[in-house]
Amino acid sequence: MPKALWIAHVNVLDAEKLAAYASAATPVIASYGGVFLARGGAYEQLEGPDHTRNVVAQFPSLQAAHDCYHSEGYQAAIKLGEGGFQRSLMIVETID
């Protein structure tokens, strides 16, 4: 079965709110089998608009990635981070 990736491009507006979100979101993501492959490390912007932070998390399936995002715990984490960041987030199925 193909795995799935969360790919997020983030602009940080308030580091404290982002930290509150991340602290709450990390265990929820792990509970759905999510593992971070990249999380705010060095990057080189080649095309398109630049973002201050980029994150990639791998999940065991597209359904697990979907369920994690829509879970009560993850939605609560998002509320903690409101106003702390702007992002685009997508789920992408990997090639099996």
PDB file of N, CA and C in Angstrom:
ATOM      1  N   MET A   1       0.851  -1.172   0.000  1.00  0.00           N
ATOM      2  CA  MET A   1       0.000   0.000   0.000  1.00  0.00           C
ATOM      3  C   MET A   1       0.902   1.241   0.000  1.00  0.00           C
ATOM      4  N   PRO A   2       0.574   2.234  -0.828  1.00  0.00           N
ATOM      5  CA  PRO A   2       1.374   3.461  -0.844  1.00  0.00           C
ATOM      6  C   PRO A   2       1.266   4.216   0.471  1.00  0.00           C
ATOM      7  N   LYS A   3       2.344   4.881   0.820  1.00  0.00           N
ATOM      8  CA  LYS A   3       2.347   5.764   1.980  1.00  0.00           C
ATOM      9  C   LYS A   3       1.849   7.129   1.523  1.00  0.00           C
ATOM     10  N   ALA A   4       1.807   8.069   2.437  1.00  0.00           N
ATOM     11  CA  ALA A   4       1.377   9.425   2.096  1.00  0.00           C
ATOM     12  C   ALA A   4       2.246  10.431   2.828  1.00  0.00           C
ATOM     13  N   LEU A   5       2.378  11.596   2.238  1.00  0.00           N
ATOM     14  CA  LEU A   5       3.159  12.674   2.830  1.00  0.00           C
ATOM     15  C   LEU A   5       2.271  13.877   3.095  1.00  0.00           C
ATOM     16  N   TRP A   6       2.494  14.501   4.227  1.00  0.00           N
ATOM     17  CA  TRP A   6       2.002  15.864   4.445  1.00  0.00           C
ATOM     18  C   TRP A   6       3.140  16.753   3.997  1.00  0.00           C
ATOM     19  N   ILE A   7       2.871  17.690   3.130  1.00  0.00           N
ATOM     20  CA  ILE A   7       3.871  18.663   2.709  1.00  0.00           C
ATOM     21  C   ILE A   7       3.322  20.034   3.067  1.00  0.00           C
ATOM     22  N   ALA A   8       4.050  20.741   3.923  1.00  0.00           N
ATOM     23  CA  ALA A   8       3.607  22.051   4.390  1.00  0.00           C
ATOM     24  C   ALA A   8       4.669  23.098   4.079  1.00  0.00           C
ATOM     25  N   HIS A   9       4.219  24.208   3.535  1.00  0.00           N
ATOM     26  CA  HIS A   9       5.063  25.380   3.320  1.00  0.00           C
ATOM     27  C   HIS A   9       4.513  26.457   4.239  1.00  0.00           C
ATOM     28  N   VAL A  10       5.351  26.953   5.138  1.00  0.00           N
ATOM     29  CA  VAL A  10       4.895  27.765   6.257  1.00  0.00           C
ATOM     30  C   VAL A  10       5.625  29.106   6.287  1.00  0.00           C
ATOM     31  N   ASN A  11       4.896  30.162   6.606  1.00  0.00           N
ATOM     32  CA  ASN A  11       5.479  31.446   6.955  1.00  0.00           C
ATOM     33  C   ASN A  11       5.161  31.685   8.424  1.00  0.00           C
ATOM     34  N   VAL A  12       6.196  31.807   9.231  1.00  0.00           N
ATOM     35  CA  VAL A  12       6.047  31.976  10.674  1.00  0.00           C
ATOM     36  C   VAL A  12       5.752  33.440  10.974  1.00  0.00           C
ATOM     37  N   LEU A  13       4.672  33.677  11.721  1.00  0.00           N
ATOM     38  CA  LEU A  13       4.276  35.022  12.131  1.00  0.00           C
ATOM     39  C   LEU A  13       4.533  35.258  13.610  1.00  0.00           C
ATOM     40  N   ASP A  14       4.422  34.208  14.410  1.00  0.00           N
ATOM     41  CA  ASP A  14       4.600  34.297  15.858  1.00  0.00           C
ATOM     42  C   ASP A  14       5.209  32.970  16.327  1.00  0.00           C
ATOM     43  N   ALA A  15       6.486  33.005  16.672  1.00  0.00           N
ATOM     44  CA  ALA A  15       7.205  31.778  17.029  1.00  0.00           C
ATOM     45  C   ALA A  15       6.608  31.075  18.256  1.00  0.00           C
ATOM     46  N   GLU A  16       6.089  31.828  19.215  1.00  0.00           N
ATOM     47  CA  GLU A  16       5.506  31.213  20.415  1.00  0.00           C
ATOM     48  C   GLU A  16       4.231  30.439  20.080  1.00  0.00           C
ATOM     49  N   LYS A  17       3.389  31.008  19.225  1.00  0.00           N
ATOM     50  CA  LYS A  17       2.166  30.305  18.824  1.00  0.00           C
ATOM     51  C   LYS A  17       2.494  29.081  17.980  1.00  0.00           C
ATOM     52  N   LEU A  18       3.509  29.200  17.121  1.00  0.00           N
ATOM     53  CA  LEU A  18       3.932  28.043  16.335  1.00  0.00           C
ATOM     54  C   LEU A  18       4.430  26.941  17.263  1.00  0.00           C
ATOM     55  N   ALA A  19       5.188  27.307  18.289  1.00  0.00           N
ATOM     56  CA  ALA A  19       5.699  26.321  19.242  1.00  0.00           C
ATOM     57  C   ALA A  19       4.564  25.637  20.000  1.00  0.00           C
ATOM     58  N   ALA A  20       3.536  26.394  20.379  1.00  0.00           N
ATOM     59  CA  ALA A  20       2.386  25.807  21.076  1.00  0.00           C
ATOM     60  C   ALA A  20       1.671  24.805  20.171  1.00  0.00           C
ATOM     61  N   TYR A  21       1.487  25.186  18.908  1.00  0.00           N
ATOM     62  CA  TYR A  21       0.881  24.281  17.926  1.00  0.00           C
ATOM     63  C   TYR A  21       1.725  23.015  17.780  1.00  0.00           C
ATOM     64  N   ALA A  22       3.039  23.191  17.586  1.00  0.00           N
ATOM     65  CA  ALA A  22       3.921  22.047  17.346  1.00  0.00           C
ATOM     66  C   ALA A  22       3.946  21.095  18.536  1.00  0.00           C
ATOM     67  N   SER A  23       3.958  21.637  19.746  1.00  0.00           N
ATOM     68  CA  SER A  23       3.966  20.793  20.947  1.00  0.00           C
ATOM     69  C   SER A  23       2.705  19.944  21.036  1.00  0.00           C
ATOM     70  N   ALA A  24       1.577  20.525  20.665  1.00  0.00           N
ATOM     71  CA  ALA A  24       0.311  19.784  20.717  1.00  0.00           C
ATOM     72  C   ALA A  24       0.150  18.846  19.525  1.00  0.00           C
ATOM     73  N   ALA A  25       0.622  19.266  18.352  1.00  0.00           N
ATOM     74  CA  ALA A  25       0.416  18.482  17.132  1.00  0.00           C
ATOM     75  C   ALA A  25       1.329  17.261  17.040  1.00  0.00           C
ATOM     76  N   THR A  26       2.546  17.373  17.541  1.00  0.00           N
ATOM     77  CA  THR A  26       3.531  16.297  17.373  1.00  0.00           C
ATOM     78  C   THR A  26       3.049  14.944  17.900  1.00  0.00           C
ATOM     79  N   PRO A  27       2.518  14.847  19.116  1.00  0.00           N
ATOM     80  CA  PRO A  27       2.058  13.529  19.571  1.00  0.00           C
ATOM     81  C   PRO A  27       0.823  13.026  18.810  1.00  0.00           C
ATOM     82  N   VAL A  28      -0.012  13.935  18.348  1.00  0.00           N
ATOM     83  CA  VAL A  28      -1.183  13.516  17.560  1.00  0.00           C
ATOM     84  C   VAL A  28      -0.709  12.912  16.246  1.00  0.00           C
ATOM     85  N   ILE A  29       0.212  13.592  15.585  1.00  0.00           N
ATOM     86  CA  ILE A  29       0.749  13.091  14.316  1.00  0.00           C
ATOM     87  C   ILE A  29       1.376  11.708  14.531  1.00  0.00           C
ATOM     88  N   ALA A  30       2.157  11.560  15.584  1.00  0.00           N
ATOM     89  CA  ALA A  30       2.785  10.264  15.883  1.00  0.00           C
ATOM     90  C   ALA A  30       1.747   9.178  16.134  1.00  0.00           C
ATOM     91  N   SER A  31       0.640   9.530  16.763  1.00  0.00           N
ATOM     92  CA  SER A  31      -0.394   8.530  17.070  1.00  0.00           C
ATOM     93  C   SER A  31      -1.064   7.979  15.811  1.00  0.00           C
ATOM     94  N   TYR A  32      -0.953   8.682  14.700  1.00  0.00           N
ATOM     95  CA  TYR A  32      -1.482   8.211  13.418  1.00  0.00           C
ATOM     96  C   TYR A  32      -0.381   7.606  12.547  1.00  0.00           C
ATOM     97  N   GLY A  33       0.774   7.353  13.140  1.00  0.00           N
ATOM     98  CA  GLY A  33       1.881   6.750  12.412  1.00  0.00           C
ATOM     99  C   GLY A  33       2.733   7.760  11.657  1.00  0.00           C
ATOM    100  N   GLY A  34       2.530   9.043  11.910  1.00  0.00           N
ATOM    101  CA  GLY A  34       3.282  10.076  11.215  1.00  0.00           C
ATOM    102  C   GLY A  34       4.702  10.197  11.730  1.00  0.00           C
ATOM    103  N   VAL A  35       5.632  10.331  10.806  1.00  0.00           N
ATOM    104  CA  VAL A  35       7.055  10.483  11.114  1.00  0.00           C
ATOM    105  C   VAL A  35       7.562  11.682  10.311  1.00  0.00           C
ATOM    106  N   PHE A  36       8.262  12.597  10.979  1.00  0.00           N
ATOM    107  CA  PHE A  36       8.786  13.770  10.280  1.00  0.00           C
ATOM    108  C   PHE A  36      10.033  13.397   9.485  1.00  0.00           C
ATOM    109  N   LEU A  37      10.043  13.786   8.213  1.00  0.00           N
ATOM    110  CA  LEU A  37      11.200  13.591   7.348  1.00  0.00           C
ATOM    111  C   LEU A  37      11.989  14.887   7.203  1.00  0.00           C
ATOM    112  N   ALA A  38      11.293  16.001   7.292  1.00  0.00           N
ATOM    113  CA  ALA A  38      11.911  17.330   7.257  1.00  0.00           C
ATOM    114  C   ALA A  38      11.066  18.229   8.135  1.00  0.00           C
ATOM    115  N   ARG A  39      11.745  19.073   8.904  1.00  0.00           N
ATOM    116  CA  ARG A  39      10.997  19.923   9.821  1.00  0.00           C
ATOM    117  C   ARG A  39      11.792  21.188  10.119  1.00  0.00           C
ATOM    118  N   GLY A  40      11.673  22.147   9.191  1.00  0.00           N
ATOM    119  CA  GLY A  40      12.287  23.447   9.408  1.00  0.00           C
ATOM    120  C   GLY A  40      13.782  23.496   9.192  1.00  0.00           C
ATOM    121  N   GLY A  41      14.363  22.504   8.526  1.00  0.00           N
ATOM    122  CA  GLY A  41      15.801  22.492   8.296  1.00  0.00           C
ATOM    123  C   GLY A  41      16.204  23.414   7.144  1.00  0.00           C
ATOM    124  N   ALA A  42      17.467  23.349   6.809  1.00  0.00           N
ATOM    125  CA  ALA A  42      17.996  24.156   5.716  1.00  0.00           C
ATOM    126  C   ALA A  42      17.310  23.771   4.407  1.00  0.00           C
ATOM    127  N   TYR A  43      17.150  24.744   3.534  1.00  0.00           N
ATOM    128  CA  TYR A  43      16.523  24.499   2.236  1.00  0.00           C
ATOM    129  C   TYR A  43      17.050  25.507   1.226  1.00  0.00           C
ATOM    130  N   GLU A  44      16.813  25.209  -0.030  1.00  0.00           N
ATOM    131  CA  GLU A  44      17.147  26.120  -1.123  1.00  0.00           C
ATOM    132  C   GLU A  44      15.893  26.317  -1.957  1.00  0.00           C
ATOM    133  N   GLN A  45      15.396  27.535  -2.012  1.00  0.00           N
ATOM    134  CA  GLN A  45      14.196  27.851  -2.796  1.00  0.00           C
ATOM    135  C   GLN A  45      14.601  27.982  -4.260  1.00  0.00           C
ATOM    136  N   LEU A  46      14.071  27.132  -5.116  1.00  0.00           N
ATOM    137  CA  LEU A  46      14.431  27.146  -6.530  1.00  0.00           C
ATOM    138  C   LEU A  46      13.388  27.840  -7.391  1.00  0.00           C
ATOM    139  N   GLU A  47      12.116  27.669  -7.073  1.00  0.00           N
ATOM    140  CA  GLU A  47      11.043  28.282  -7.846  1.00  0.00           C
ATOM    141  C   GLU A  47       9.892  28.624  -6.907  1.00  0.00           C
ATOM    142  N   GLY A  48       9.076  29.562  -7.313  1.00  0.00           N
ATOM    143  CA  GLY A  48       7.886  29.917  -6.552  1.00  0.00           C
ATOM    144  C   GLY A  48       8.210  30.767  -5.339  1.00  0.00           C
ATOM    145  N   PRO A  49       7.159  31.111  -4.597  1.00  0.00           N
ATOM    146  CA  PRO A  49       7.343  31.981  -3.429  1.00  0.00           C
ATOM    147  C   PRO A  49       8.112  31.265  -2.315  1.00  0.00           C
ATOM    148  N   ASP A  50       8.936  32.033  -1.620  1.00  0.00           N
ATOM    149  CA  ASP A  50       9.725  31.500  -0.519  1.00  0.00           C
ATOM    150  C   ASP A  50       8.867  31.388   0.744  1.00  0.00           C
ATOM    151  N   HIS A  51       9.206  30.435   1.587  1.00  0.00           N
ATOM    152  CA  HIS A  51       8.548  30.236   2.880  1.00  0.00           C
ATOM    153  C   HIS A  51       9.624  30.127   3.944  1.00  0.00           C
ATOM    154  N   THR A  52       9.321  30.564   5.138  1.00  0.00           N
ATOM    155  CA  THR A  52      10.332  30.558   6.196  1.00  0.00           C
ATOM    156  C   THR A  52      10.542  29.180   6.809  1.00  0.00           C
ATOM    157  N   ARG A  53       9.624  28.253   6.547  1.00  0.00           N
ATOM    158  CA  ARG A  53       9.725  26.911   7.147  1.00  0.00           C
ATOM    159  C   ARG A  53       9.036  25.915   6.220  1.00  0.00           C
ATOM    160  N   ASN A  54       9.625  24.743   6.082  1.00  0.00           N
ATOM    161  CA  ASN A  54       9.058  23.677   5.259  1.00  0.00           C
ATOM    162  C   ASN A  54       9.056  22.390   6.070  1.00  0.00           C
ATOM    163  N   VAL A  55       7.956  21.644   5.980  1.00  0.00           N
ATOM    164  CA  VAL A  55       7.797  20.444   6.794  1.00  0.00           C
ATOM    165  C   VAL A  55       7.260  19.312   5.916  1.00  0.00           C
ATOM    166  N   VAL A  56       7.836  18.124   6.089  1.00  0.00           N
ATOM    167  CA  VAL A  56       7.346  16.921   5.410  1.00  0.00           C
ATOM    168  C   VAL A  56       7.201  15.834   6.465  1.00  0.00           C
ATOM    169  N   ALA A  57       6.005  15.251   6.538  1.00  0.00           N
ATOM    170  CA  ALA A  57       5.754  14.126   7.445  1.00  0.00           C
ATOM    171  C   ALA A  57       5.221  12.957   6.625  1.00  0.00           C
ATOM    172  N   GLN A  58       5.685  11.774   6.932  1.00  0.00           N
ATOM    173  CA  GLN A  58       5.239  10.573   6.232  1.00  0.00           C
ATOM    174  C   GLN A  58       4.261   9.796   7.103  1.00  0.00           C
ATOM    175  N   PHE A  59       3.177   9.318   6.476  1.00  0.00           N
ATOM    176  CA  PHE A  59       2.160   8.509   7.138  1.00  0.00           C
ATOM    177  C   PHE A  59       2.074   7.150   6.455  1.00  0.00           C
ATOM    178  N   PRO A  60       1.575   6.143   7.162  1.00  0.00           N
ATOM    179  CA  PRO A  60       1.504   4.809   6.579  1.00  0.00           C
ATOM    180  C   PRO A  60       0.514   4.686   5.422  1.00  0.00           C
ATOM    181  N   SER A  61      -0.435   5.626   5.312  1.00  0.00           N
ATOM    182  CA  SER A  61      -1.418   5.570   4.228  1.00  0.00           C
ATOM    183  C   SER A  61      -2.048   6.948   4.038  1.00  0.00           C
ATOM    184  N   LEU A  62      -2.688   7.109   2.906  1.00  0.00           N
ATOM    185  CA  LEU A  62      -3.430   8.330   2.632  1.00  0.00           C
ATOM    186  C   LEU A  62      -4.541   8.512   3.665  1.00  0.00           C
ATOM    187  N   GLN A  63      -5.206   7.421   4.022  1.00  0.00           N
ATOM    188  CA  GLN A  63      -6.291   7.496   5.001  1.00  0.00           C
ATOM    189  C   GLN A  63      -5.782   7.938   6.366  1.00  0.00           C
ATOM    190  N   ALA A  64      -4.624   7.423   6.791  1.00  0.00           N
ATOM    191  CA  ALA A  64      -4.064   7.827   8.084  1.00  0.00           C
ATOM    192  C   ALA A  64      -3.730   9.315   8.087  1.00  0.00           C
ATOM    193  N   ALA A  65      -3.169   9.818   6.993  1.00  0.00           N
ATOM    194  CA  ALA A  65      -2.847  11.243   6.892  1.00  0.00           C
ATOM    195  C   ALA A  65      -4.112  12.089   6.946  1.00  0.00           C
ATOM    196  N   HIS A  66      -5.134  11.652   6.249  1.00  0.00           N
ATOM    197  CA  HIS A  66      -6.425  12.342   6.234  1.00  0.00           C
ATOM    198  C   HIS A  66      -7.058  12.324   7.630  1.00  0.00           C
ATOM    199  N   ASP A  67      -7.093  11.153   8.245  1.00  0.00           N
ATOM    200  CA  ASP A  67      -7.718  11.017   9.560  1.00  0.00           C
ATOM    201  C   ASP A  67      -6.997  11.849  10.613  1.00  0.00           C
ATOM    202  N   CYS A  68      -5.674  11.909  10.530  1.00  0.00           N
ATOM    203  CA  CYS A  68      -4.911  12.709  11.478  1.00  0.00           C
ATOM    204  C   CYS A  68      -5.315  14.169  11.370  1.00  0.00           C
ATOM    205  N   TYR A  69      -5.330  14.702  10.156  1.00  0.00           N
ATOM    206  CA  TYR A  69      -5.664  16.117   9.973  1.00  0.00           C
ATOM    207  C   TYR A  69      -7.045  16.439  10.537  1.00  0.00           C
ATOM    208  N   HIS A  70      -7.997  15.570  10.297  1.00  0.00           N
ATOM    209  CA  HIS A  70      -9.374  15.828  10.706  1.00  0.00           C
ATOM    210  C   HIS A  70      -9.683  15.396  12.142  1.00  0.00           C
ATOM    211  N   SER A  71      -8.678  14.869  12.842  1.00  0.00           N
ATOM    212  CA  SER A  71      -8.910  14.401  14.209  1.00  0.00           C
ATOM    213  C   SER A  71      -9.151  15.571  15.161  1.00  0.00           C
ATOM    214  N   GLU A  72      -9.843  15.265  16.239  1.00  0.00           N
ATOM    215  CA  GLU A  72     -10.127  16.266  17.268  1.00  0.00           C
ATOM    216  C   GLU A  72      -8.828  16.842  17.845  1.00  0.00           C
ATOM    217  N   GLY A  73      -7.857  15.971  18.099  1.00  0.00           N
ATOM    218  CA  GLY A  73      -6.596  16.420  18.674  1.00  0.00           C
ATOM    219  C   GLY A  73      -5.829  17.363  17.762  1.00  0.00           C
ATOM    220  N   TYR A  74      -5.784  17.034  16.470  1.00  0.00           N
ATOM    221  CA  TYR A  74      -5.039  17.897  15.550  1.00  0.00           C
ATOM    222  C   TYR A  74      -5.755  19.228  15.348  1.00  0.00           C
ATOM    223  N   GLN A  75      -7.061  19.198  15.265  1.00  0.00           N
ATOM    224  CA  GLN A  75      -7.814  20.446  15.112  1.00  0.00           C
ATOM    225  C   GLN A  75      -7.632  21.346  16.339  1.00  0.00           C
ATOM    226  N   ALA A  76      -7.518  20.744  17.516  1.00  0.00           N
ATOM    227  CA  ALA A  76      -7.245  21.526  18.727  1.00  0.00           C
ATOM    228  C   ALA A  76      -5.855  22.156  18.657  1.00  0.00           C
ATOM    229  N   ALA A  77      -4.883  21.417  18.113  1.00  0.00           N
ATOM    230  CA  ALA A  77      -3.530  21.962  17.961  1.00  0.00           C
ATOM    231  C   ALA A  77      -3.530  23.157  17.012  1.00  0.00           C
ATOM    232  N   ILE A  78      -4.282  23.061  15.935  1.00  0.00           N
ATOM    233  CA  ILE A  78      -4.373  24.174  14.987  1.00  0.00           C
ATOM    234  C   ILE A  78      -4.905  25.419  15.695  1.00  0.00           C
ATOM    235  N   LYS A  79      -5.903  25.243  16.528  1.00  0.00           N
ATOM    236  CA  LYS A  79      -6.470  26.395  17.260  1.00  0.00           C
ATOM    237  C   LYS A  79      -5.425  27.063  18.154  1.00  0.00           C
ATOM    238  N   LEU A  80      -4.552  26.261  18.757  1.00  0.00           N
ATOM    239  CA  LEU A  80      -3.486  26.822  19.596  1.00  0.00           C
ATOM    240  C   LEU A  80      -2.532  27.698  18.789  1.00  0.00           C
ATOM    241  N   GLY A  81      -2.367  27.362  17.524  1.00  0.00           N
ATOM    242  CA  GLY A  81      -1.430  28.099  16.686  1.00  0.00           C
ATOM    243  C   GLY A  81      -2.034  29.239  15.891  1.00  0.00           C
ATOM    244  N   GLU A  82      -3.344  29.463  16.032  1.00  0.00           N
ATOM    245  CA  GLU A  82      -4.003  30.504  15.235  1.00  0.00           C
ATOM    246  C   GLU A  82      -3.278  31.832  15.361  1.00  0.00           C
ATOM    247  N   GLY A  83      -3.003  32.436  14.220  1.00  0.00           N
ATOM    248  CA  GLY A  83      -2.302  33.707  14.180  1.00  0.00           C
ATOM    249  C   GLY A  83      -0.791  33.571  14.237  1.00  0.00           C
ATOM    250  N   GLY A  84      -0.301  32.372  14.415  1.00  0.00           N
ATOM    251  CA  GLY A  84       1.128  32.150  14.531  1.00  0.00           C
ATOM    252  C   GLY A  84       1.825  31.804  13.237  1.00  0.00           C
ATOM    253  N   PHE A  85       1.040  31.388  12.247  1.00  0.00           N
ATOM    254  CA  PHE A  85       1.647  31.013  10.972  1.00  0.00           C
ATOM    255  C   PHE A  85       0.597  31.013   9.866  1.00  0.00           C
ATOM    256  N   GLN A  86       1.100  31.155   8.654  1.00  0.00           N
ATOM    257  CA  GLN A  86       0.295  30.953   7.447  1.00  0.00           C
ATOM    258  C   GLN A  86       0.946  29.788   6.725  1.00  0.00           C
ATOM    259  N   ARG A  87       0.146  28.904   6.170  1.00  0.00           N
ATOM    260  CA  ARG A  87       0.742  27.768   5.483  1.00  0.00           C
ATOM    261  C   ARG A  87      -0.164  27.239   4.391  1.00  0.00           C
ATOM    262  N   SER A  88       0.452  26.511   3.505  1.00  0.00           N
ATOM    263  CA  SER A  88      -0.285  25.648   2.604  1.00  0.00           C
ATOM    264  C   SER A  88       0.103  24.233   3.009  1.00  0.00           C
ATOM    265  N   LEU A  89      -0.873  23.344   3.036  1.00  0.00           N
ATOM    266  CA  LEU A  89      -0.652  21.967   3.478  1.00  0.00           C
ATOM    267  C   LEU A  89      -1.390  21.046   2.526  1.00  0.00           C
ATOM    268  N   MET A  90      -0.701  20.029   2.066  1.00  0.00           N
ATOM    269  CA  MET A  90      -1.330  19.054   1.174  1.00  0.00           C
ATOM    270  C   MET A  90      -0.955  17.653   1.608  1.00  0.00           C
ATOM    271  N   ILE A  91      -1.776  16.696   1.208  1.00  0.00           N
ATOM    272  CA  ILE A  91      -1.471  15.283   1.369  1.00  0.00           C
ATOM    273  C   ILE A  91      -1.151  14.750  -0.014  1.00  0.00           C
ATOM    274  N   VAL A  92      -0.016  14.061  -0.138  1.00  0.00           N
ATOM    275  CA  VAL A  92       0.400  13.502  -1.406  1.00  0.00           C
ATOM    276  C   VAL A  92       0.687  12.010  -1.216  1.00  0.00           C
ATOM    277  N   GLU A  93       0.054  11.201  -2.015  1.00  0.00           N
ATOM    278  CA  GLU A  93       0.308   9.755  -1.963  1.00  0.00           C
ATOM    279  C   GLU A  93       1.640   9.458  -2.640  1.00  0.00           C
ATOM    280  N   THR A  94       2.426   8.580  -2.033  1.00  0.00           N
ATOM    281  CA  THR A  94       3.718   8.221  -2.607  1.00  0.00           C
ATOM    282  C   THR A  94       3.562   7.128  -3.663  1.00  0.00           C
ATOM    283  N   ILE A  95       4.611   6.923  -4.404  1.00  0.00           N
ATOM    284  CA  ILE A  95       4.630   5.835  -5.378  1.00  0.00           C
ATOM    285  C   ILE A  95       4.967   4.562  -4.627  1.00  0.00           C
ATOM    286  N   ASP A  96       4.157   3.551  -4.812  1.00  0.00           N
ATOM    287  CA  ASP A  96       4.352   2.292  -4.092  1.00  0.00           C
ATOM    288  C   ASP A  96       5.512   1.501  -4.687  1.00  0.00           C
TER     289      ASP A  96
END
